[in-house]
Amino acid sequence: MVPKITDFGLSRRFGGDQSRILTKNICGTPGYLAPEYLNNGQISFKSDIYCLGIIIGKILRGNNDFPDFKNVR
């Protein structure tokens, strides 16, 4: 098995002393978005850790226990 990173669609480069950013538009897959991003548009490295936790949970369980977010607006 060879893991590969396939998507940097929402990536953003921070400045030297910058550790978070605020956005006006919420983008991404709802089941993977961190609560602070959904609540106030704040993105930080913690958002990536949250998403990684969701992915690891799915891998360990071997199924998708999260609800279907296709109709979330």
Protein backbone atom coordinates (compact mmCIF):
# COMPACT_ATOMS: atom_id res chain seq x y z
CA MET A 1 0.00 0.00 0.00
CA VAL A 2 1.37 3.41 -1.00
CA PRO A 3 -0.54 6.39 0.45
CA LYS A 4 -0.86 9.42 -1.80
CA ILE A 5 -2.06 12.96 -1.15
CA THR A 6 -4.53 13.79 -3.88
CA ASP A 7 -6.25 17.07 -3.08
CA PHE A 8 -5.02 20.52 -2.15
CA GLY A 9 -8.18 22.23 -3.40
CA LEU A 10 -8.66 24.23 -0.19
CA SER A 11 -5.01 24.71 0.77
CA ARG A 12 -3.67 28.15 1.56
CA ARG A 13 -0.18 29.34 2.42
CA PHE A 14 0.12 31.27 5.69
CA GLY A 15 2.56 34.08 6.28
CA GLY A 16 5.59 33.58 8.56
CA ASP A 17 3.86 34.42 11.85
CA GLN A 18 0.29 33.64 10.74
CA SER A 19 -1.36 30.55 12.26
CA ARG A 20 -4.99 30.97 11.21
CA ILE A 21 -7.18 32.71 8.67
CA LEU A 22 -10.82 33.78 8.48
CA THR A 23 -12.92 33.12 5.39
CA LYS A 24 -16.33 34.35 4.25
CA ASN A 25 -17.18 31.32 2.11
CA ILE A 26 -17.47 27.84 3.62
CA CYS A 27 -16.05 25.23 1.21
CA GLY A 28 -15.41 21.53 1.62
CA THR A 29 -17.13 18.23 2.35
CA PRO A 30 -19.53 18.81 5.27
CA GLY A 31 -18.77 15.54 7.10
CA TYR A 32 -15.08 16.46 7.30
CA LEU A 33 -15.24 20.16 8.24
CA ALA A 34 -14.04 21.25 11.67
CA PRO A 35 -16.68 22.85 13.93
CA GLU A 36 -14.77 26.14 14.27
CA TYR A 37 -14.68 26.44 10.48
CA LEU A 38 -18.42 25.83 10.19
CA ASN A 39 -19.27 28.20 13.06
CA ASN A 40 -17.10 31.21 12.25
CA GLY A 41 -15.01 30.50 9.14
CA GLN A 42 -11.75 30.20 11.09
CA ILE A 43 -9.17 27.86 9.54
CA SER A 44 -6.01 26.71 11.34
CA PHE A 45 -3.79 23.65 11.49
CA LYS A 46 -6.31 22.28 13.99
CA SER A 47 -8.85 22.02 11.15
CA ASP A 48 -6.51 19.59 9.38
CA ILE A 49 -6.08 17.53 12.56
CA TYR A 50 -9.87 17.30 12.96
CA CYS A 51 -10.28 16.07 9.38
CA LEU A 52 -7.44 13.58 9.82
CA GLY A 53 -9.22 12.21 12.90
CA ILE A 54 -12.40 11.69 10.87
CA ILE A 55 -10.45 9.84 8.18
CA ILE A 56 -8.58 7.64 10.68
CA GLY A 57 -11.88 6.82 12.40
CA LYS A 58 -13.37 5.70 9.09
CA ILE A 59 -10.33 3.56 8.31
CA LEU A 60 -10.34 1.89 11.74
CA ARG A 61 -14.08 1.17 11.69
CA GLY A 62 -14.06 0.03 8.08
CA ASN A 63 -17.35 1.76 7.39
CA ASN A 64 -19.01 5.13 7.21
CA ASP A 65 -20.87 5.80 10.48
CA PHE A 66 -21.45 9.45 9.63
CA PRO A 67 -24.79 10.61 8.23
CA ASP A 68 -25.27 11.42 4.57
CA PHE A 69 -24.39 15.11 4.15
CA LYS A 70 -25.41 15.43 0.49
CA ASN A 71 -28.41 17.63 1.30
CA VAL A 72 -26.69 19.92 3.85
CA ARG A 73 -26.67 23.60 2.86
